Amino acid sequence: MSKVSIIAKVDFILEMISNIEKIVKRHNGIIKALDDYEGKMAIMMGLLQIGESLNRIDKEYLEKYDLIEDTKGAYNVRNFIAHDYDGVNMTVVEDIIRIYLPRLKEKVLEIQIEFRDD
């Protein structure tokens, strides 16, 4: 996988995380954002895109940045959203936004920093 390809994927993942953070802020909280039809749809699409993009990063980089389990989890969330949208538990999505996304953001920022410094 080329450096340009990794940077593009990392930038896109960070953009999706940022978009989710903006949606939550605009709605004054995660629960209010998920209660809003457009907010919920936008957050779900962002999570779907994060899972898809992480899954397209070479395994060697995922291992290096301790992202194997994160990628499996994100891709499982992606699949659940894509195939059972109405069955998605919003409490789980709330936990993903509150707990998982900040940790994921830190790890992905590490990749971005390393690749930008090269």
Protein backbone atom coordinates (compact mmCIF):
# COMPACT_ATOMS: atom_id res chain seq x y z
CA MET A 1 0.00 0.00 0.00
CA SER A 2 1.46 3.33 -1.00
CA LYS A 3 2.13 6.19 1.37
CA VAL A 4 -0.37 8.33 -0.55
CA SER A 5 -3.05 5.66 -0.19
CA ILE A 6 -2.49 5.33 3.56
CA ILE A 7 -2.58 9.10 4.04
CA ALA A 8 -5.81 9.34 2.05
CA LYS A 9 -7.49 6.62 4.13
CA VAL A 10 -6.26 8.07 7.41
CA ASP A 11 -7.36 11.57 6.44
CA PHE A 12 -10.79 10.25 5.49
CA ILE A 13 -11.19 8.35 8.77
CA LEU A 14 -10.23 11.46 10.73
CA GLU A 15 -12.68 13.52 8.67
CA MET A 16 -15.49 11.07 9.49
CA ILE A 17 -14.61 11.19 13.20
CA SER A 18 -14.55 14.99 13.05
CA ASN A 19 -17.93 15.03 11.31
CA ILE A 20 -19.43 12.85 14.03
CA GLU A 21 -17.94 15.15 16.69
CA LYS A 22 -19.46 18.19 14.94
CA ILE A 23 -22.89 16.54 14.71
CA VAL A 24 -22.80 15.71 18.42
CA LYS A 25 -21.73 19.25 19.27
CA ARG A 26 -24.38 20.80 17.01
CA HIS A 27 -27.05 18.76 18.81
CA ASN A 28 -25.64 19.48 22.28
CA GLY A 29 -24.88 15.87 23.05
CA ILE A 30 -24.74 12.32 21.77
CA ILE A 31 -28.23 11.30 22.86
CA LYS A 32 -29.83 14.37 21.29
CA ALA A 33 -27.90 13.77 18.07
CA LEU A 34 -29.06 10.15 17.95
CA ASP A 35 -32.65 11.18 18.71
CA ASP A 36 -32.61 13.49 15.67
CA TYR A 37 -33.39 11.64 12.44
CA GLU A 38 -30.77 13.47 10.36
CA GLY A 39 -28.20 13.35 13.13
CA LYS A 40 -28.70 9.62 13.55
CA MET A 41 -28.42 8.97 9.80
CA ALA A 42 -25.27 11.06 9.49
CA ILE A 43 -23.60 9.41 12.48
CA MET A 44 -24.47 5.95 11.22
CA MET A 45 -23.05 6.75 7.79
CA GLY A 46 -19.87 8.09 9.39
CA LEU A 47 -19.43 4.91 11.44
CA LEU A 48 -20.07 2.79 8.36
CA GLN A 49 -17.41 4.72 6.42
CA ILE A 50 -14.89 4.44 9.27
CA GLY A 51 -15.32 0.66 9.37
CA GLU A 52 -14.99 0.35 5.62
CA SER A 53 -11.88 2.56 5.44
CA LEU A 54 -10.09 0.87 8.35
CA ASN A 55 -10.70 -2.49 6.72
CA ARG A 56 -8.85 -1.28 3.60
CA ILE A 57 -5.61 -0.44 5.41
CA ASP A 58 -2.89 -3.08 5.10
CA LYS A 59 -2.63 -5.46 8.04
CA GLU A 60 1.02 -4.56 8.66
CA TYR A 61 0.03 -0.98 9.56
CA LEU A 62 -2.94 -2.13 11.61
CA GLU A 63 -0.60 -4.38 13.61
CA LYS A 64 2.03 -1.67 14.00
CA TYR A 65 -0.50 0.76 15.49
CA ASP A 66 -2.42 -1.85 17.49
CA LEU A 67 -5.52 -1.45 15.32
CA ILE A 68 -6.35 -5.09 14.51
CA GLU A 69 -9.12 -5.44 17.11
CA ASP A 70 -10.34 -1.88 16.46
CA THR A 71 -10.65 -2.67 12.77
CA LYS A 72 -12.54 -5.91 13.41
CA GLY A 73 -14.94 -4.08 15.71
CA ALA A 74 -15.41 -1.15 13.35
CA TYR A 75 -16.03 -3.47 10.42
CA ASN A 76 -18.56 -5.47 12.46
CA VAL A 77 -20.36 -2.21 13.26
CA ARG A 78 -20.22 -1.30 9.58
CA ASN A 79 -21.79 -4.62 8.63
CA PHE A 80 -24.50 -4.32 11.24
CA ILE A 81 -25.42 -0.82 10.08
CA ALA A 82 -25.38 -1.82 6.42
CA HIS A 83 -27.41 -4.99 6.85
CA ASP A 84 -29.69 -4.33 9.83
CA TYR A 85 -30.03 -0.55 10.11
CA ASP A 86 -33.30 -0.70 12.05
CA GLY A 87 -31.85 -3.24 14.48
CA VAL A 88 -28.88 -1.12 15.55
CA ASN A 89 -28.90 -0.51 19.30
CA MET A 90 -28.45 3.22 19.89
CA THR A 91 -26.99 2.57 23.35
CA VAL A 92 -24.15 0.68 21.67
CA VAL A 93 -23.71 3.54 19.18
CA GLU A 94 -23.61 6.00 22.08
CA ASP A 95 -20.85 3.95 23.73
CA ILE A 96 -18.94 3.80 20.44
CA ILE A 97 -19.05 7.58 20.14
CA ARG A 98 -18.24 8.22 23.80
CA ILE A 99 -15.51 5.57 24.34
CA TYR A 100 -14.30 4.05 21.08
CA LEU A 101 -14.01 7.04 18.75
CA PRO A 102 -11.69 9.12 20.96
CA ARG A 103 -9.29 6.16 21.31
CA LEU A 104 -9.48 5.39 17.61
CA LYS A 105 -8.80 9.04 16.80
CA GLU A 106 -5.61 8.98 18.89
CA LYS A 107 -4.32 5.86 17.14
CA VAL A 108 -5.15 7.14 13.67
CA LEU A 109 -3.52 10.50 14.44
CA GLU A 110 -0.31 8.58 15.24
CA ILE A 111 -0.36 7.09 11.76
CA GLN A 112 -1.04 10.48 10.22
CA ILE A 113 1.83 12.10 12.11
CA GLU A 114 4.30 9.38 11.13
CA PHE A 115 3.35 9.45 7.47
CA ARG A 116 3.32 13.24 7.28
CA ASP A 117 6.78 13.41 8.86
CA ASP A 118 8.30 11.04 6.28
